[in-house]
Amino acid sequence: MSNCLFCKIVEGSIPSTKVYEDDMVLAFRDIAPQAPTHILVIPKAHIPSVNGVTAENSGVVAHIFEVIPQIAAAEKLANGYRVVSNCGDDAGQTVHHLHFHILGGKKLALEMA
């Protein structure tokens, strides 16, 4: 999508601090981190949110969940980390391109915002 922030990051027209990339996914540091380690993992193909996952594109989501532990290990998150995906405006999704937040590097609060 031409006006999608994350699609522009994938194409390279907006810079990011990449921590992982392959042919299906890109992972980069969040510019407004909510934890000492805050990384976004996105599919390179545009999927608007969790609601856009289908039988045809679910393989990329499975791949993302194979990659997340590798990223967490590289970031030395051995004590644990959180994986979050906001779906829709009411949940706080501000970029409508499927993405997963990896949060860690400290003991995270248990309560929901």
N, C-alpha and C. Protein backbone atom coordinates (compact mmCIF):
# COMPACT_ATOMS: atom_id res chain seq x y z
N MET A 1 0.85 -1.18 0.00
CA MET A 1 0.00 0.00 0.00
C MET A 1 0.88 1.23 0.00
N SER A 2 0.59 2.16 -0.86
CA SER A 2 1.46 3.31 -1.06
C SER A 2 1.51 4.26 0.13
N ASN A 3 0.49 4.31 0.98
CA ASN A 3 0.51 5.25 2.10
C ASN A 3 0.78 4.57 3.44
N CYS A 4 1.17 3.30 3.43
CA CYS A 4 1.41 2.55 4.66
C CYS A 4 2.85 2.78 5.14
N LEU A 5 2.98 3.27 6.36
CA LEU A 5 4.29 3.54 6.95
C LEU A 5 5.19 2.31 6.92
N PHE A 6 4.66 1.15 7.32
CA PHE A 6 5.50 -0.05 7.37
C PHE A 6 5.85 -0.56 5.98
N CYS A 7 4.96 -0.39 5.01
CA CYS A 7 5.30 -0.76 3.63
C CYS A 7 6.45 0.11 3.12
N LYS A 8 6.45 1.38 3.51
CA LYS A 8 7.54 2.28 3.12
C LYS A 8 8.85 1.87 3.80
N ILE A 9 8.78 1.39 5.03
CA ILE A 9 9.98 0.89 5.70
C ILE A 9 10.49 -0.36 4.98
N VAL A 10 9.59 -1.26 4.60
CA VAL A 10 9.97 -2.47 3.87
C VAL A 10 10.66 -2.11 2.56
N GLU A 11 10.12 -1.13 1.83
CA GLU A 11 10.70 -0.76 0.54
C GLU A 11 11.97 0.07 0.69
N GLY A 12 12.26 0.56 1.88
CA GLY A 12 13.48 1.31 2.13
C GLY A 12 13.37 2.81 1.97
N SER A 13 12.17 3.33 1.70
CA SER A 13 12.03 4.78 1.54
C SER A 13 11.96 5.50 2.87
N ILE A 14 11.71 4.77 3.96
CA ILE A 14 11.79 5.31 5.32
C ILE A 14 12.80 4.45 6.06
N PRO A 15 13.80 5.08 6.68
CA PRO A 15 14.83 4.29 7.36
C PRO A 15 14.33 3.64 8.64
N SER A 16 14.98 2.56 9.02
CA SER A 16 14.69 1.89 10.28
C SER A 16 15.98 1.26 10.79
N THR A 17 15.97 0.90 12.05
CA THR A 17 17.11 0.19 12.63
C THR A 17 16.76 -1.29 12.62
N LYS A 18 17.18 -1.96 11.55
CA LYS A 18 16.84 -3.36 11.35
C LYS A 18 17.62 -4.25 12.32
N VAL A 19 16.92 -5.26 12.83
CA VAL A 19 17.58 -6.27 13.65
C VAL A 19 17.48 -7.65 13.01
N TYR A 20 16.57 -7.81 12.03
CA TYR A 20 16.41 -9.08 11.34
C TYR A 20 15.68 -8.81 10.03
N GLU A 21 16.08 -9.55 9.00
CA GLU A 21 15.37 -9.47 7.72
C GLU A 21 15.59 -10.75 6.95
N ASP A 22 14.52 -11.23 6.33
CA ASP A 22 14.62 -12.30 5.36
C ASP A 22 13.63 -12.00 4.24
N ASP A 23 13.34 -12.96 3.39
CA ASP A 23 12.48 -12.69 2.25
C ASP A 23 11.02 -12.46 2.62
N MET A 24 10.60 -12.86 3.84
CA MET A 24 9.19 -12.74 4.24
C MET A 24 8.92 -11.69 5.30
N VAL A 25 9.90 -11.42 6.18
CA VAL A 25 9.66 -10.55 7.32
C VAL A 25 10.80 -9.57 7.53
N LEU A 26 10.47 -8.52 8.27
CA LEU A 26 11.44 -7.51 8.67
C LEU A 26 11.20 -7.21 10.14
N ALA A 27 12.28 -7.08 10.89
CA ALA A 27 12.18 -6.70 12.30
C ALA A 27 13.08 -5.50 12.53
N PHE A 28 12.56 -4.52 13.27
CA PHE A 28 13.31 -3.28 13.51
C PHE A 28 12.92 -2.71 14.86
N ARG A 29 13.79 -1.84 15.38
CA ARG A 29 13.56 -1.23 16.69
C ARG A 29 12.45 -0.19 16.60
N ASP A 30 11.58 -0.18 17.61
CA ASP A 30 10.50 0.80 17.69
C ASP A 30 11.10 2.17 17.99
N ILE A 31 10.61 3.22 17.35
CA ILE A 31 11.16 4.56 17.57
C ILE A 31 10.65 5.20 18.85
N ALA A 32 9.63 4.60 19.48
CA ALA A 32 9.11 5.08 20.76
C ALA A 32 9.01 3.88 21.71
N PRO A 33 10.15 3.35 22.14
CA PRO A 33 10.14 2.10 22.91
C PRO A 33 9.39 2.19 24.22
N GLN A 34 8.65 1.12 24.51
CA GLN A 34 7.89 1.00 25.75
C GLN A 34 8.59 0.09 26.75
N ALA A 35 9.76 -0.42 26.39
CA ALA A 35 10.58 -1.27 27.25
C ALA A 35 12.02 -1.12 26.76
N PRO A 36 13.00 -1.54 27.55
CA PRO A 36 14.39 -1.43 27.11
C PRO A 36 14.63 -2.09 25.75
N THR A 37 13.99 -3.22 25.51
CA THR A 37 14.00 -3.84 24.18
C THR A 37 12.58 -3.77 23.64
N HIS A 38 12.42 -3.11 22.49
CA HIS A 38 11.11 -3.00 21.85
C HIS A 38 11.34 -3.09 20.35
N ILE A 39 11.01 -4.25 19.81
CA ILE A 39 11.23 -4.54 18.40
C ILE A 39 9.90 -4.86 17.75
N LEU A 40 9.71 -4.37 16.54
CA LEU A 40 8.52 -4.68 15.74
C LEU A 40 8.90 -5.71 14.70
N VAL A 41 8.07 -6.72 14.56
CA VAL A 41 8.27 -7.75 13.54
C VAL A 41 7.06 -7.69 12.61
N ILE A 42 7.33 -7.48 11.31
CA ILE A 42 6.25 -7.28 10.35
C ILE A 42 6.43 -8.19 9.14
N PRO A 43 5.32 -8.60 8.52
CA PRO A 43 5.44 -9.28 7.24
C PRO A 43 5.78 -8.24 6.17
N LYS A 44 6.57 -8.63 5.20
CA LYS A 44 6.87 -7.69 4.11
C LYS A 44 5.64 -7.44 3.24
N ALA A 45 4.79 -8.44 3.11
CA ALA A 45 3.54 -8.26 2.37
C ALA A 45 2.55 -7.53 3.27
N HIS A 46 1.78 -6.63 2.70
CA HIS A 46 0.82 -5.87 3.49
C HIS A 46 -0.36 -6.74 3.90
N ILE A 47 -0.52 -6.88 5.21
CA ILE A 47 -1.71 -7.48 5.83
C ILE A 47 -2.16 -6.43 6.84
N PRO A 48 -3.41 -5.97 6.79
CA PRO A 48 -3.81 -4.83 7.62
C PRO A 48 -3.78 -5.07 9.13
N SER A 49 -4.08 -6.29 9.58
CA SER A 49 -4.11 -6.59 11.02
C SER A 49 -4.29 -8.09 11.17
N VAL A 50 -4.44 -8.54 12.40
CA VAL A 50 -4.74 -9.96 12.66
C VAL A 50 -6.01 -10.36 11.91
N ASN A 51 -6.96 -9.44 11.79
CA ASN A 51 -8.21 -9.75 11.07
C ASN A 51 -7.99 -10.03 9.60
N GLY A 52 -6.83 -9.65 9.06
CA GLY A 52 -6.53 -9.89 7.65
C GLY A 52 -5.79 -11.18 7.39
N VAL A 53 -5.54 -11.98 8.42
CA VAL A 53 -4.85 -13.25 8.25
C VAL A 53 -5.82 -14.26 7.66
N THR A 54 -5.38 -14.91 6.59
CA THR A 54 -6.21 -15.88 5.87
C THR A 54 -5.42 -17.18 5.67
N ALA A 55 -6.09 -18.18 5.13
CA ALA A 55 -5.42 -19.43 4.80
C ALA A 55 -4.29 -19.19 3.80
N GLU A 56 -4.46 -18.21 2.94
CA GLU A 56 -3.46 -17.93 1.91
C GLU A 56 -2.21 -17.24 2.46
N ASN A 57 -2.34 -16.45 3.53
CA ASN A 57 -1.18 -15.70 4.02
C ASN A 57 -0.74 -16.10 5.43
N SER A 58 -1.38 -17.09 6.02
CA SER A 58 -1.05 -17.45 7.40
C SER A 58 0.34 -18.05 7.55
N GLY A 59 0.93 -18.53 6.47
CA GLY A 59 2.29 -19.06 6.54
C GLY A 59 3.29 -18.02 7.00
N VAL A 60 3.09 -16.76 6.62
CA VAL A 60 4.00 -15.71 7.04
C VAL A 60 3.88 -15.47 8.54
N VAL A 61 2.69 -15.62 9.09
CA VAL A 61 2.50 -15.45 10.54
C VAL A 61 3.21 -16.59 11.27
N ALA A 62 3.08 -17.80 10.77
CA ALA A 62 3.80 -18.92 11.37
C ALA A 62 5.30 -18.66 11.32
N HIS A 63 5.78 -18.14 10.21
CA HIS A 63 7.20 -17.83 10.06
C HIS A 63 7.63 -16.75 11.07
N ILE A 64 6.80 -15.75 11.25
CA ILE A 64 7.11 -14.70 12.24
C ILE A 64 7.31 -15.32 13.61
N PHE A 65 6.45 -16.28 13.97
CA PHE A 65 6.57 -16.90 15.29
C PHE A 65 7.73 -17.89 15.37
N GLU A 66 8.29 -18.27 14.24
CA GLU A 66 9.55 -19.03 14.25
C GLU A 66 10.74 -18.09 14.44
N VAL A 67 10.62 -16.88 13.90
CA VAL A 67 11.70 -15.89 13.95
C VAL A 67 11.77 -15.18 15.31
N ILE A 68 10.63 -14.94 15.94
CA ILE A 68 10.61 -14.19 17.20
C ILE A 68 11.57 -14.78 18.24
N PRO A 69 11.58 -16.09 18.49
CA PRO A 69 12.53 -16.61 19.49
C PRO A 69 14.00 -16.38 19.09
N GLN A 70 14.29 -16.38 17.81
CA GLN A 70 15.66 -16.12 17.35
C GLN A 70 16.05 -14.67 17.67
N ILE A 71 15.13 -13.75 17.42
CA ILE A 71 15.39 -12.34 17.72
C ILE A 71 15.55 -12.16 19.22
N ALA A 72 14.65 -12.77 20.01
CA ALA A 72 14.73 -12.66 21.46
C ALA A 72 16.06 -13.20 21.98
N ALA A 73 16.53 -14.29 21.44
CA ALA A 73 17.82 -14.85 21.86
C ALA A 73 18.96 -13.91 21.50
N ALA A 74 18.91 -13.35 20.29
CA ALA A 74 19.96 -12.40 19.87
C ALA A 74 19.96 -11.16 20.74
N GLU A 75 18.80 -10.78 21.26
CA GLU A 75 18.68 -9.61 22.13
C GLU A 75 18.92 -9.94 23.60
N LYS A 76 19.25 -11.20 23.87
CA LYS A 76 19.56 -11.67 25.24
C LYS A 76 18.37 -11.50 26.19
N LEU A 77 17.19 -11.91 25.73
CA LEU A 77 15.97 -11.82 26.54
C LEU A 77 15.68 -13.17 27.21
N ALA A 78 16.71 -13.78 27.76
CA ALA A 78 16.59 -15.12 28.35
C ALA A 78 15.63 -15.16 29.53
N ASN A 79 15.43 -14.05 30.24
CA ASN A 79 14.51 -14.03 31.38
C ASN A 79 13.06 -13.87 30.97
N GLY A 80 12.81 -13.67 29.70
CA GLY A 80 11.45 -13.57 29.21
C GLY A 80 11.19 -12.31 28.42
N TYR A 81 10.11 -12.35 27.69
CA TYR A 81 9.69 -11.22 26.85
C TYR A 81 8.21 -11.38 26.57
N ARG A 82 7.62 -10.31 26.08
CA ARG A 82 6.20 -10.30 25.74
C ARG A 82 6.07 -10.07 24.24
N VAL A 83 5.08 -10.73 23.63
CA VAL A 83 4.74 -10.53 22.22
C VAL A 83 3.32 -10.01 22.19
N VAL A 84 3.11 -8.85 21.53
CA VAL A 84 1.81 -8.20 21.50
C VAL A 84 1.47 -7.80 20.07
N SER A 85 0.21 -7.97 19.71
CA SER A 85 -0.30 -7.43 18.45
C SER A 85 -1.63 -6.75 18.73
N ASN A 86 -1.69 -5.46 18.46
CA ASN A 86 -2.94 -4.71 18.61
C ASN A 86 -3.74 -4.85 17.33
N CYS A 87 -5.05 -5.03 17.48
CA CYS A 87 -5.90 -5.25 16.32
C CYS A 87 -7.05 -4.24 16.34
N GLY A 88 -6.93 -3.20 15.53
CA GLY A 88 -7.97 -2.18 15.43
C GLY A 88 -7.70 -0.96 16.28
N ASP A 89 -8.41 0.09 15.97
CA ASP A 89 -8.23 1.38 16.63
C ASP A 89 -8.47 1.32 18.14
N ASP A 90 -9.52 0.63 18.56
CA ASP A 90 -9.83 0.57 19.99
C ASP A 90 -8.76 -0.18 20.78
N ALA A 91 -8.00 -1.03 20.11
CA ALA A 91 -6.93 -1.77 20.78
C ALA A 91 -5.61 -1.01 20.75
N GLY A 92 -5.59 0.13 20.06
CA GLY A 92 -4.38 0.93 20.01
C GLY A 92 -3.53 0.70 18.77
N GLN A 93 -4.07 0.04 17.75
CA GLN A 93 -3.31 -0.16 16.52
C GLN A 93 -3.23 1.18 15.78
N THR A 94 -2.03 1.73 15.66
CA THR A 94 -1.86 3.03 15.00
C THR A 94 -1.35 2.90 13.58
N VAL A 95 -0.68 1.79 13.26
CA VAL A 95 -0.26 1.52 11.89
C VAL A 95 -1.00 0.27 11.46
N HIS A 96 -1.80 0.41 10.41
CA HIS A 96 -2.66 -0.69 9.98
C HIS A 96 -1.93 -1.59 8.98
N HIS A 97 -0.88 -2.20 9.51
CA HIS A 97 -0.08 -3.23 8.84
C HIS A 97 0.24 -4.20 9.96
N LEU A 98 -0.10 -5.46 9.79
CA LEU A 98 0.11 -6.46 10.83
C LEU A 98 1.52 -6.35 11.39
N HIS A 99 1.62 -6.29 12.71
CA HIS A 99 2.93 -6.26 13.36
C HIS A 99 2.84 -6.81 14.76
N PHE A 100 3.96 -7.33 15.19
CA PHE A 100 4.07 -7.91 16.52
C PHE A 100 5.18 -7.18 17.25
N HIS A 101 4.88 -6.75 18.48
CA HIS A 101 5.85 -6.08 19.33
C HIS A 101 6.55 -7.13 20.18
N ILE A 102 7.87 -7.11 20.20
CA ILE A 102 8.65 -7.90 21.16
C ILE A 102 9.10 -6.91 22.23
N LEU A 103 8.66 -7.12 23.46
CA LEU A 103 8.98 -6.23 24.57
C LEU A 103 9.73 -7.02 25.64
N GLY A 104 10.84 -6.47 26.11
CA GLY A 104 11.60 -7.15 27.15
C GLY A 104 12.72 -6.29 27.67
N GLY A 105 13.62 -6.94 28.39
CA GLY A 105 14.77 -6.24 28.94
C GLY A 105 14.56 -5.75 30.36
N LYS A 106 13.36 -6.01 30.91
CA LYS A 106 13.05 -5.68 32.29
C LYS A 106 11.83 -6.50 32.69
N LYS A 107 11.54 -6.55 33.98
CA LYS A 107 10.33 -7.23 34.43
C LYS A 107 9.15 -6.35 34.02
N LEU A 108 8.24 -6.92 33.26
CA LEU A 108 7.10 -6.17 32.73
C LEU A 108 5.91 -6.27 33.67
N ALA A 109 5.13 -5.21 33.73
CA ALA A 109 3.93 -5.18 34.58
C ALA A 109 2.92 -6.20 34.08
N LEU A 110 2.14 -6.76 34.97
CA LEU A 110 1.16 -7.76 34.61
C LEU A 110 -0.20 -7.19 34.25
N GLU A 111 -0.50 -6.01 34.76
CA GLU A 111 -1.84 -5.44 34.52
C GLU A 111 -1.97 -4.92 33.10
N MET A 112 -3.22 -4.95 32.63
CA MET A 112 -3.53 -4.45 31.29
C MET A 112 -3.81 -2.95 31.37
N ALA A 113 -3.41 -2.25 30.33
CA ALA A 113 -3.65 -0.79 30.28
C ALA A 113 -5.09 -0.51 29.94
